[in-house]
Amino acid sequence: MTFPRLTPVAATVAVALTLVLSGCTRTSESEDPMFQSDNAGNDGAMSTSKPAPELLQRMLDLNEETTKVHGGNWTFSGPDRLPWERDTTGYFGRVCPGSEPLSHRYTGMIMGPAVDDPEAAVSKYVSHFEKQGFTEVGRYNEDVPSDTGSGYYIIVTLEDAEGNALIYQAGNHLSSLSYEGPCSEDPAMTIPTT
């Protein structure tokens, strides 16, 4: 299956929808463990003492596993939509909101091909990752905006005890994965990887 070519407007809207709607899949900040204060003083994100290289590898593992579970050709979410490949260059941690002392986490987004049956795709995805200790914490269904195309999508958020969050969108217009990792105070998180 090849990835359908989208117009720049459709691609922009789809990416914006995924980013905006992924926030709708979470529980309230007072209930969500990703927003609880931890012993490191972070107001909002789980933290870990794991080193940056280990956290980067975990992100890449989860991205790669998603592409295999979902199938098809995946791309980076940037404007060039380059094919996604397991490459360790160019990543750096984003500041974790409210962290004191300052900590960072890896985040990313990749885009995947449309599916005929979003419900079946999400069911398969959730089942696969629940076997690895992830828990579903939110789900959102919506029709694709009529100016973008037709169909619908489902966004599901899964989290594990280590602070990894997978925000998976399966749609019959396109699919995507947004990843958020645990926070780390490792100074290497701020240096672009090579």
Protein backbone atom coordinates (compact mmCIF):
# COMPACT_ATOMS: atom_id res chain seq x y z
CA MET A 1 0.00 0.00 0.00
CA THR A 2 1.41 3.41 -0.86
CA PHE A 3 0.81 6.59 1.09
CA PRO A 4 -1.73 8.83 -0.67
CA ARG A 5 -0.45 12.24 -1.76
CA LEU A 6 -2.27 15.00 0.08
CA THR A 7 -2.54 18.59 -0.94
CA PRO A 8 -0.52 20.93 1.30
CA VAL A 9 -3.74 22.27 2.82
CA ALA A 10 -5.11 18.79 3.55
CA ALA A 11 -1.82 17.69 5.08
CA THR A 12 -1.62 20.81 7.24
CA VAL A 13 -5.20 20.42 8.44
CA ALA A 14 -4.67 16.73 9.19
CA VAL A 15 -1.52 17.42 11.20
CA ALA A 16 -3.18 20.29 13.04
CA LEU A 17 -6.20 18.10 13.81
CA THR A 18 -4.02 15.38 15.23
CA LEU A 19 -2.08 17.78 17.42
CA VAL A 20 -5.15 19.62 18.68
CA LEU A 21 -7.31 16.56 19.18
CA SER A 22 -4.63 14.56 20.94
CA GLY A 23 -5.15 16.90 23.87
CA CYS A 24 -8.81 15.86 23.93
CA THR A 25 -7.89 12.25 24.53
CA ARG A 26 -6.44 12.85 27.98
CA THR A 27 -8.26 12.81 31.25
CA SER A 28 -8.28 15.99 33.29
CA GLU A 29 -4.93 17.22 34.59
CA SER A 30 -5.93 16.40 38.16
CA GLU A 31 -6.55 12.73 37.23
CA ASP A 32 -3.84 12.13 34.64
CA PRO A 33 -0.57 10.70 36.00
CA MET A 34 1.33 12.58 33.28
CA PHE A 35 0.29 15.81 35.03
CA GLN A 36 0.95 14.82 38.64
CA SER A 37 3.83 16.34 40.57
CA ASP A 38 6.60 13.87 41.23
CA ASN A 39 9.45 13.70 43.70
CA ALA A 40 11.79 15.51 41.31
CA GLY A 41 9.64 18.63 41.56
CA ASN A 42 8.14 18.42 38.08
CA ASP A 43 4.67 19.92 37.96
CA GLY A 44 3.16 18.07 35.08
CA ALA A 45 5.26 15.23 33.73
CA MET A 46 6.64 11.93 34.93
CA SER A 47 10.41 11.92 35.16
CA THR A 48 13.08 9.29 34.95
CA SER A 49 16.77 9.04 35.65
CA LYS A 50 17.38 7.13 32.43
CA PRO A 51 20.06 8.57 30.12
CA ALA A 52 19.19 10.33 26.87
CA PRO A 53 20.47 7.56 24.54
CA GLU A 54 18.24 4.99 26.25
CA LEU A 55 15.20 7.28 26.00
CA LEU A 56 15.89 7.98 22.32
CA GLN A 57 16.13 4.26 21.57
CA ARG A 58 12.84 3.64 23.36
CA MET A 59 11.12 6.31 21.26
CA LEU A 60 12.51 4.85 18.04
CA ASP A 61 11.52 1.33 19.13
CA LEU A 62 7.92 2.43 19.75
CA ASN A 63 7.76 4.33 16.46
CA GLU A 64 9.10 1.36 14.54
CA GLU A 65 6.78 -1.04 16.30
CA THR A 66 3.82 1.20 15.44
CA THR A 67 4.73 1.15 11.74
CA LYS A 68 4.85 -2.65 11.81
CA VAL A 69 1.57 -3.11 13.73
CA HIS A 70 -0.24 -0.60 11.51
CA GLY A 71 1.53 -1.52 8.26
CA GLY A 72 2.19 0.49 5.12
CA ASN A 73 4.61 3.31 4.40
CA TRP A 74 5.14 5.96 7.08
CA THR A 75 6.68 9.43 6.77
CA PHE A 76 8.08 12.10 9.04
CA SER A 77 5.50 14.79 9.74
CA GLY A 78 7.63 17.66 8.41
CA PRO A 79 6.74 19.65 5.32
CA ASP A 80 8.87 17.41 3.06
CA ARG A 81 7.09 14.25 4.27
CA LEU A 82 10.28 12.23 3.94
CA PRO A 83 9.93 8.45 4.42
CA TRP A 84 10.26 7.47 8.08
CA GLU A 85 13.27 5.38 8.85
CA ARG A 86 14.97 4.47 12.08
CA ASP A 87 17.52 7.26 12.12
CA THR A 88 19.00 8.62 15.34
CA THR A 89 20.10 12.02 14.01
CA GLY A 90 18.56 15.40 14.73
CA TYR A 91 16.53 14.66 17.88
CA PHE A 92 16.67 16.80 20.99
CA GLY A 93 14.52 16.99 24.09
CA ARG A 94 11.72 19.50 24.53
CA VAL A 95 11.31 21.27 27.86
CA CYS A 96 8.91 19.49 30.20
CA PRO A 97 6.27 22.00 31.32
CA GLY A 98 6.68 23.13 34.91
CA SER A 99 9.84 21.13 35.54
CA GLU A 100 12.12 22.38 38.31
CA PRO A 101 14.96 21.67 37.97
CA LEU A 102 14.59 21.95 34.21
CA SER A 103 14.08 18.61 32.46
CA HIS A 104 13.42 17.55 28.87
CA ARG A 105 11.65 14.81 26.97
CA TYR A 106 11.69 13.45 23.44
CA THR A 107 8.60 14.04 21.36
CA GLY A 108 7.82 13.29 17.76
CA MET A 109 5.18 12.62 15.17
CA ILE A 110 5.09 10.32 12.18
CA MET A 111 2.37 9.98 9.56
CA GLY A 112 0.95 6.72 8.25
CA PRO A 113 -1.37 5.46 5.55
CA ALA A 114 -5.13 5.44 5.75
CA VAL A 115 -7.01 2.33 6.88
CA ASP A 116 -10.33 0.97 5.66
CA ASP A 117 -11.56 0.23 9.18
CA PRO A 118 -10.27 2.63 11.89
CA GLU A 119 -12.03 0.69 14.66
CA ALA A 120 -10.29 -2.56 13.70
CA ALA A 121 -6.93 -0.76 13.42
CA VAL A 122 -7.30 0.83 16.87
CA SER A 123 -8.44 -2.46 18.41
CA LYS A 124 -5.38 -4.25 16.99
CA TYR A 125 -3.05 -1.43 18.13
CA VAL A 126 -4.43 -1.22 21.66
CA SER A 127 -4.35 -5.00 22.09
CA HIS A 128 -0.73 -5.16 20.92
CA PHE A 129 0.53 -2.44 23.26
CA GLU A 130 -1.57 -3.46 26.26
CA LYS A 131 0.36 -6.75 26.21
CA GLN A 132 3.48 -4.63 26.78
CA GLY A 133 2.15 -2.78 29.80
CA PHE A 134 0.49 0.21 28.13
CA THR A 135 -2.93 1.33 29.36
CA GLU A 136 -5.55 3.17 27.32
CA VAL A 137 -6.24 6.53 28.97
CA GLY A 138 -8.39 8.23 26.34
CA ARG A 139 -10.18 7.87 23.04
CA TYR A 140 -11.68 10.35 20.60
CA ASN A 141 -13.74 9.71 17.43
CA GLU A 142 -14.47 12.35 14.81
CA ASP A 143 -15.48 12.79 11.18
CA VAL A 144 -12.86 14.20 8.83
CA PRO A 145 -13.70 17.86 8.09
CA SER A 146 -15.60 18.05 4.81
CA ASP A 147 -13.09 20.51 3.30
CA THR A 148 -10.29 17.98 3.92
CA GLY A 149 -11.96 14.85 2.61
CA SER A 150 -14.42 12.23 3.70
CA GLY A 151 -14.38 9.55 6.36
CA TYR A 152 -13.57 9.42 10.05
CA TYR A 153 -10.74 8.73 12.44
CA ILE A 154 -10.19 7.50 15.97
CA ILE A 155 -7.45 8.82 18.24
CA VAL A 156 -6.41 6.71 21.21
CA THR A 157 -3.89 7.58 23.92
CA LEU A 158 -1.88 4.84 25.60
CA GLU A 159 0.57 5.32 28.49
CA ASP A 160 2.96 3.06 30.36
CA ALA A 161 4.41 3.18 33.87
CA GLU A 162 7.72 4.58 32.55
CA GLY A 163 6.02 7.76 31.27
CA ASN A 164 5.84 6.92 27.56
CA ALA A 165 2.68 8.14 25.81
CA LEU A 166 1.51 6.95 22.38
CA ILE A 167 -1.18 9.06 20.70
CA TYR A 168 -2.27 6.91 17.79
CA GLN A 169 -4.66 8.07 15.10
CA ALA A 170 -6.22 5.56 12.71
CA GLY A 171 -8.32 7.10 9.98
CA ASN A 172 -9.61 6.34 6.54
CA HIS A 173 -8.10 9.64 5.39
CA LEU A 174 -4.66 9.19 7.03
CA SER A 175 -3.10 7.86 10.22
CA SER A 176 -0.43 9.12 12.62
CA LEU A 177 1.49 8.56 15.82
CA SER A 178 2.50 11.29 18.25
CA TYR A 179 4.97 10.20 20.91
CA GLU A 180 5.81 11.84 24.25
CA GLY A 181 8.54 10.35 26.41
CA PRO A 182 9.30 10.69 30.11
CA CYS A 183 11.21 13.74 31.34
CA SER A 184 14.91 13.49 32.11
CA GLU A 185 17.45 15.81 33.66
CA ASP A 186 20.25 14.30 31.55
CA PRO A 187 22.04 17.34 29.99
CA ALA A 188 22.45 15.33 26.77
CA MET A 189 18.70 15.75 26.15
CA THR A 190 19.36 19.33 24.97
CA ILE A 191 22.01 18.38 22.41
CA PRO A 192 20.82 17.36 18.91
CA THR A 193 21.63 13.70 18.36
CA THR A 194 24.03 12.55 15.67
